[in-house]
Amino acid sequence: MAWRTGFKAAKHAKYGNKKAESNGIKFQSKKECARYDELILLQAAGLISKLKLQVTFPLQYGFTTIDGERIQPISYSCDFTYFETGIARRIVEDCKGFETAAFLKSWKQMKSIYPEYLYKIT
């Protein structure tokens, strides 16, 4: 069997997630999309407020070393932030089917730098 030139194999996600869409918003996984739908319902019922998606938090600002090397900033983007009714603290939430070492490191840094927030992994 001859191989066709220019043929590209379909890409698949590293951790097996399937992309999904809801209300015209594209999500990295079906789990994240389903959680968004739940949060929209909770917001409509008045149980949460100020729902935001993909909020980026700086973990380390960029800088230049004394040797002139430019070090890039490090940031973390969570899936959702919102306020629960009766709780005055912002909730930072991430949907994970698989918690990688890199995620856990960033998650710990977030908790250290931003202790005023509540954190949830769903």
N, C-alpha and C. Protein backbone atom coordinates (compact mmCIF):
# COMPACT_ATOMS: atom_id res chain seq x y z
N MET A 1 0.84 -1.18 0.00
CA MET A 1 0.00 0.00 0.00
C MET A 1 0.89 1.24 0.00
N ALA A 2 0.65 2.11 -0.94
CA ALA A 2 1.44 3.33 -1.04
C ALA A 2 0.86 4.39 -0.11
N TRP A 3 1.75 5.14 0.53
CA TRP A 3 1.33 6.22 1.41
C TRP A 3 1.06 7.46 0.59
N ARG A 4 -0.01 8.13 0.90
CA ARG A 4 -0.33 9.37 0.19
C ARG A 4 0.52 10.50 0.71
N THR A 5 1.04 11.28 -0.18
CA THR A 5 1.82 12.43 0.27
C THR A 5 0.88 13.56 0.64
N GLY A 6 1.26 14.32 1.62
CA GLY A 6 0.44 15.45 2.05
C GLY A 6 -0.68 15.06 2.99
N PHE A 7 -0.79 13.78 3.30
CA PHE A 7 -1.85 13.32 4.21
C PHE A 7 -1.39 13.51 5.64
N LYS A 8 -2.25 14.14 6.45
CA LYS A 8 -1.92 14.34 7.86
C LYS A 8 -2.88 13.51 8.71
N ALA A 9 -2.33 12.82 9.66
CA ALA A 9 -3.15 12.03 10.58
C ALA A 9 -3.91 12.98 11.49
N ALA A 10 -5.10 12.59 11.87
CA ALA A 10 -5.91 13.41 12.77
C ALA A 10 -5.21 13.53 14.12
N LYS A 11 -5.17 14.75 14.65
CA LYS A 11 -4.55 14.96 15.95
C LYS A 11 -5.54 14.58 17.04
N HIS A 12 -5.00 14.03 18.10
CA HIS A 12 -5.84 13.73 19.25
C HIS A 12 -5.22 14.38 20.48
N ALA A 13 -6.06 14.64 21.47
CA ALA A 13 -5.61 15.32 22.68
C ALA A 13 -4.71 14.40 23.49
N LYS A 14 -3.73 15.00 24.14
CA LYS A 14 -2.75 14.26 24.91
C LYS A 14 -3.40 13.43 26.03
N TYR A 15 -4.41 14.00 26.68
CA TYR A 15 -5.05 13.31 27.80
C TYR A 15 -6.44 12.78 27.45
N GLY A 16 -6.77 12.72 26.17
CA GLY A 16 -8.01 12.11 25.72
C GLY A 16 -9.24 12.99 25.81
N ASN A 17 -9.06 14.28 26.10
CA ASN A 17 -10.24 15.16 26.18
C ASN A 17 -10.79 15.43 24.79
N LYS A 18 -12.09 15.65 24.73
CA LYS A 18 -12.77 15.99 23.48
C LYS A 18 -13.27 17.41 23.59
N LYS A 19 -12.97 18.24 22.60
CA LYS A 19 -13.41 19.63 22.61
C LYS A 19 -14.93 19.69 22.47
N ALA A 20 -15.51 20.75 23.06
CA ALA A 20 -16.96 20.91 23.05
C ALA A 20 -17.29 22.40 22.93
N GLU A 21 -18.56 22.69 22.64
CA GLU A 21 -19.01 24.07 22.48
C GLU A 21 -20.38 24.25 23.13
N SER A 22 -20.57 25.41 23.77
CA SER A 22 -21.85 25.75 24.38
C SER A 22 -22.04 27.25 24.25
N ASN A 23 -23.21 27.67 23.79
CA ASN A 23 -23.53 29.09 23.61
C ASN A 23 -22.48 29.82 22.76
N GLY A 24 -21.90 29.14 21.80
CA GLY A 24 -20.89 29.74 20.93
C GLY A 24 -19.51 29.84 21.55
N ILE A 25 -19.32 29.30 22.75
CA ILE A 25 -18.03 29.32 23.43
C ILE A 25 -17.40 27.94 23.29
N LYS A 26 -16.14 27.90 22.86
CA LYS A 26 -15.44 26.63 22.68
C LYS A 26 -14.67 26.29 23.96
N PHE A 27 -14.76 25.02 24.35
CA PHE A 27 -14.09 24.53 25.56
C PHE A 27 -13.12 23.43 25.20
N GLN A 28 -12.09 23.26 26.04
CA GLN A 28 -11.07 22.25 25.81
C GLN A 28 -11.54 20.83 26.10
N SER A 29 -12.64 20.70 26.86
CA SER A 29 -13.13 19.37 27.19
C SER A 29 -14.65 19.39 27.37
N LYS A 30 -15.24 18.21 27.24
CA LYS A 30 -16.67 18.08 27.49
C LYS A 30 -16.98 18.35 28.95
N LYS A 31 -16.07 17.96 29.83
CA LYS A 31 -16.25 18.17 31.27
C LYS A 31 -16.32 19.67 31.58
N GLU A 32 -15.41 20.44 31.02
CA GLU A 32 -15.39 21.90 31.23
C GLU A 32 -16.67 22.53 30.67
N CYS A 33 -17.11 22.07 29.52
CA CYS A 33 -18.33 22.58 28.89
C CYS A 33 -19.55 22.29 29.77
N ALA A 34 -19.63 21.06 30.29
CA ALA A 34 -20.75 20.69 31.16
C ALA A 34 -20.74 21.52 32.44
N ARG A 35 -19.56 21.77 32.98
CA ARG A 35 -19.46 22.59 34.20
C ARG A 35 -19.90 24.02 33.91
N TYR A 36 -19.54 24.54 32.75
CA TYR A 36 -19.98 25.88 32.35
C TYR A 36 -21.51 25.95 32.31
N ASP A 37 -22.14 24.94 31.71
CA ASP A 37 -23.60 24.90 31.65
C ASP A 37 -24.21 24.90 33.05
N GLU A 38 -23.60 24.15 33.98
CA GLU A 38 -24.07 24.14 35.38
C GLU A 38 -23.94 25.52 36.01
N LEU A 39 -22.78 26.15 35.80
CA LEU A 39 -22.54 27.47 36.40
C LEU A 39 -23.50 28.53 35.83
N ILE A 40 -23.83 28.43 34.55
CA ILE A 40 -24.79 29.36 33.94
C ILE A 40 -26.16 29.20 34.63
N LEU A 41 -26.56 27.96 34.89
CA LEU A 41 -27.83 27.72 35.58
C LEU A 41 -27.79 28.26 37.01
N LEU A 42 -26.66 28.06 37.70
CA LEU A 42 -26.52 28.58 39.06
C LEU A 42 -26.57 30.10 39.08
N GLN A 43 -25.98 30.72 38.07
CA GLN A 43 -26.00 32.18 37.98
C GLN A 43 -27.43 32.68 37.71
N ALA A 44 -28.15 31.99 36.83
CA ALA A 44 -29.53 32.37 36.53
C ALA A 44 -30.43 32.22 37.76
N ALA A 45 -30.10 31.25 38.63
CA ALA A 45 -30.88 31.02 39.85
C ALA A 45 -30.46 31.96 40.98
N GLY A 46 -29.40 32.75 40.75
CA GLY A 46 -28.95 33.70 41.76
C GLY A 46 -28.05 33.10 42.83
N LEU A 47 -27.57 31.88 42.61
CA LEU A 47 -26.70 31.23 43.60
C LEU A 47 -25.24 31.62 43.45
N ILE A 48 -24.85 32.05 42.25
CA ILE A 48 -23.51 32.59 42.03
C ILE A 48 -23.64 33.88 41.22
N SER A 49 -22.56 34.67 41.20
CA SER A 49 -22.57 35.91 40.41
C SER A 49 -21.18 36.17 39.84
N LYS A 50 -21.12 37.08 38.90
CA LYS A 50 -19.86 37.54 38.28
C LYS A 50 -19.02 36.39 37.71
N LEU A 51 -19.68 35.48 37.00
CA LEU A 51 -18.99 34.35 36.37
C LEU A 51 -18.08 34.86 35.26
N LYS A 52 -16.82 34.47 35.30
CA LYS A 52 -15.85 34.81 34.26
C LYS A 52 -15.13 33.54 33.84
N LEU A 53 -14.74 33.50 32.56
CA LEU A 53 -14.04 32.35 32.00
C LEU A 53 -12.60 32.72 31.66
N GLN A 54 -11.71 31.77 31.82
CA GLN A 54 -10.31 31.89 31.41
C GLN A 54 -9.65 33.17 31.94
N VAL A 55 -9.71 33.36 33.24
CA VAL A 55 -9.07 34.51 33.88
C VAL A 55 -7.60 34.19 34.09
N THR A 56 -6.73 35.12 33.70
CA THR A 56 -5.29 34.91 33.81
C THR A 56 -4.74 35.65 35.03
N PHE A 57 -3.94 34.93 35.82
CA PHE A 57 -3.29 35.50 37.00
C PHE A 57 -1.78 35.45 36.82
N PRO A 58 -1.07 36.55 37.06
CA PRO A 58 0.39 36.49 36.99
C PRO A 58 0.96 35.74 38.19
N LEU A 59 1.88 34.83 37.93
CA LEU A 59 2.57 34.11 39.00
C LEU A 59 3.97 34.65 39.21
N GLN A 60 4.57 35.11 38.13
CA GLN A 60 5.90 35.72 38.20
C GLN A 60 6.01 36.70 37.05
N TYR A 61 6.42 37.89 37.34
CA TYR A 61 6.58 38.89 36.29
C TYR A 61 7.89 38.66 35.55
N GLY A 62 7.93 39.08 34.30
CA GLY A 62 9.14 38.96 33.50
C GLY A 62 10.21 39.90 34.04
N PHE A 63 11.45 39.55 33.79
CA PHE A 63 12.55 40.40 34.24
C PHE A 63 13.78 40.13 33.39
N THR A 64 14.78 40.98 33.56
CA THR A 64 16.05 40.83 32.85
C THR A 64 17.14 40.60 33.89
N THR A 65 17.96 39.55 33.69
CA THR A 65 19.05 39.25 34.62
C THR A 65 20.16 40.27 34.45
N ILE A 66 21.11 40.27 35.37
CA ILE A 66 22.22 41.22 35.26
C ILE A 66 23.11 40.90 34.06
N ASP A 67 22.99 39.68 33.52
CA ASP A 67 23.72 39.30 32.30
C ASP A 67 22.97 39.71 31.03
N GLY A 68 21.77 40.30 31.20
CA GLY A 68 20.99 40.74 30.05
C GLY A 68 20.02 39.71 29.50
N GLU A 69 19.94 38.56 30.15
CA GLU A 69 19.00 37.52 29.69
C GLU A 69 17.58 37.90 30.10
N ARG A 70 16.66 37.84 29.13
CA ARG A 70 15.27 38.18 29.39
C ARG A 70 14.52 36.92 29.84
N ILE A 71 13.94 36.99 31.02
CA ILE A 71 13.16 35.88 31.56
C ILE A 71 11.68 36.21 31.36
N GLN A 72 10.98 35.32 30.70
CA GLN A 72 9.57 35.54 30.38
C GLN A 72 8.70 35.44 31.63
N PRO A 73 7.59 36.16 31.66
CA PRO A 73 6.67 36.05 32.80
C PRO A 73 5.99 34.68 32.81
N ILE A 74 5.51 34.29 33.98
CA ILE A 74 4.77 33.05 34.15
C ILE A 74 3.37 33.41 34.62
N SER A 75 2.36 32.86 33.98
CA SER A 75 0.98 33.14 34.38
C SER A 75 0.18 31.85 34.43
N TYR A 76 -0.97 31.94 35.06
CA TYR A 76 -1.86 30.79 35.18
C TYR A 76 -3.25 31.23 34.76
N SER A 77 -3.91 30.46 33.91
CA SER A 77 -5.29 30.75 33.48
C SER A 77 -6.20 29.67 34.04
N CYS A 78 -7.14 30.09 34.86
CA CYS A 78 -8.11 29.14 35.41
C CYS A 78 -9.30 29.03 34.47
N ASP A 79 -10.12 28.01 34.65
CA ASP A 79 -11.29 27.82 33.81
C ASP A 79 -12.40 28.82 34.16
N PHE A 80 -12.67 28.99 35.46
CA PHE A 80 -13.77 29.86 35.88
C PHE A 80 -13.41 30.61 37.16
N THR A 81 -13.97 31.81 37.30
CA THR A 81 -14.00 32.50 38.59
C THR A 81 -15.42 33.00 38.78
N TYR A 82 -15.86 33.04 40.04
CA TYR A 82 -17.21 33.51 40.36
C TYR A 82 -17.31 33.73 41.86
N PHE A 83 -18.42 34.33 42.28
CA PHE A 83 -18.72 34.52 43.69
C PHE A 83 -19.97 33.71 44.01
N GLU A 84 -19.93 32.94 45.11
CA GLU A 84 -21.13 32.25 45.58
C GLU A 84 -21.91 33.21 46.46
N THR A 85 -23.23 33.15 46.39
CA THR A 85 -24.07 34.00 47.21
C THR A 85 -23.76 33.74 48.69
N GLY A 86 -23.51 34.81 49.44
CA GLY A 86 -23.22 34.69 50.86
C GLY A 86 -21.75 34.52 51.18
N ILE A 87 -20.90 34.34 50.18
CA ILE A 87 -19.45 34.22 50.39
C ILE A 87 -18.79 35.41 49.71
N ALA A 88 -18.03 36.18 50.47
CA ALA A 88 -17.45 37.41 49.94
C ALA A 88 -16.11 37.18 49.22
N ARG A 89 -15.69 35.93 49.11
CA ARG A 89 -14.41 35.63 48.46
C ARG A 89 -14.63 35.06 47.07
N ARG A 90 -13.76 35.46 46.15
CA ARG A 90 -13.83 34.94 44.78
C ARG A 90 -13.43 33.47 44.79
N ILE A 91 -14.12 32.67 43.99
CA ILE A 91 -13.80 31.26 43.84
C ILE A 91 -13.09 31.08 42.50
N VAL A 92 -11.95 30.40 42.55
CA VAL A 92 -11.17 30.07 41.36
C VAL A 92 -11.34 28.58 41.14
N GLU A 93 -11.86 28.21 39.96
CA GLU A 93 -12.18 26.80 39.70
C GLU A 93 -11.52 26.31 38.43
N ASP A 94 -11.05 25.08 38.49
CA ASP A 94 -10.47 24.43 37.32
C ASP A 94 -11.09 23.05 37.16
N CYS A 95 -11.44 22.70 35.93
CA CYS A 95 -11.96 21.36 35.61
C CYS A 95 -10.79 20.52 35.14
N LYS A 96 -10.56 19.43 35.82
CA LYS A 96 -9.44 18.56 35.44
C LYS A 96 -9.89 17.11 35.42
N GLY A 97 -9.60 16.44 34.33
CA GLY A 97 -9.80 15.01 34.27
C GLY A 97 -8.55 14.32 34.77
N PHE A 98 -7.41 15.02 34.64
CA PHE A 98 -6.12 14.46 35.03
C PHE A 98 -5.27 15.60 35.56
N GLU A 99 -4.78 15.47 36.77
CA GLU A 99 -3.96 16.52 37.38
C GLU A 99 -2.48 16.23 37.12
N THR A 100 -1.87 17.04 36.26
CA THR A 100 -0.46 16.86 35.94
C THR A 100 0.41 17.51 37.02
N ALA A 101 1.68 17.16 37.02
CA ALA A 101 2.62 17.76 37.97
C ALA A 101 2.73 19.27 37.73
N ALA A 102 2.71 19.68 36.46
CA ALA A 102 2.80 21.11 36.13
C ALA A 102 1.58 21.86 36.66
N PHE A 103 0.39 21.25 36.52
CA PHE A 103 -0.81 21.89 37.04
C PHE A 103 -0.73 22.03 38.56
N LEU A 104 -0.34 20.97 39.26
CA LEU A 104 -0.28 21.01 40.71
C LEU A 104 0.72 22.06 41.20
N LYS A 105 1.82 22.22 40.49
CA LYS A 105 2.81 23.24 40.85
C LYS A 105 2.19 24.64 40.70
N SER A 106 1.55 24.90 39.58
CA SER A 106 0.90 26.20 39.36
C SER A 106 -0.21 26.44 40.38
N TRP A 107 -0.95 25.38 40.70
CA TRP A 107 -2.06 25.48 41.65
C TRP A 107 -1.54 25.89 43.02
N LYS A 108 -0.42 25.29 43.44
CA LYS A 108 0.20 25.64 44.72
C LYS A 108 0.70 27.08 44.71
N GLN A 109 1.29 27.50 43.61
CA GLN A 109 1.75 28.88 43.49
C GLN A 109 0.57 29.85 43.59
N MET A 110 -0.53 29.51 42.94
CA MET A 110 -1.73 30.36 43.01
C MET A 110 -2.18 30.52 44.46
N LYS A 111 -2.26 29.42 45.19
CA LYS A 111 -2.71 29.47 46.58
C LYS A 111 -1.76 30.29 47.44
N SER A 112 -0.49 30.24 47.12
CA SER A 112 0.50 31.00 47.89
C SER A 112 0.43 32.50 47.59
N ILE A 113 0.30 32.85 46.32
CA ILE A 113 0.30 34.26 45.90
C ILE A 113 -1.04 34.93 46.13
N TYR A 114 -2.13 34.17 45.98
CA TYR A 114 -3.48 34.72 46.11
C TYR A 114 -4.26 33.96 47.21
N PRO A 115 -3.86 34.12 48.48
CA PRO A 115 -4.54 33.37 49.55
C PRO A 115 -5.97 33.84 49.83
N GLU A 116 -6.35 35.00 49.29
CA GLU A 116 -7.69 35.54 49.53
C GLU A 116 -8.78 34.82 48.75
N TYR A 117 -8.42 33.98 47.79
CA TYR A 117 -9.40 33.27 46.97
C TYR A 117 -9.68 31.88 47.54
N LEU A 118 -10.85 31.34 47.21
CA LEU A 118 -11.17 29.94 47.48
C LEU A 118 -10.89 29.15 46.21
N TYR A 119 -10.41 27.94 46.35
CA TYR A 119 -10.00 27.14 45.18
C TYR A 119 -10.79 25.85 45.10
N LYS A 120 -11.22 25.50 43.87
CA LYS A 120 -11.95 24.27 43.63
C LYS A 120 -11.40 23.59 42.38
N ILE A 121 -11.25 22.27 42.49
CA ILE A 121 -10.93 21.45 41.32
C ILE A 121 -12.12 20.53 41.11
N THR A 122 -12.71 20.58 39.91
CA THR A 122 -13.86 19.73 39.63
C THR A 122 -13.52 18.72 38.56
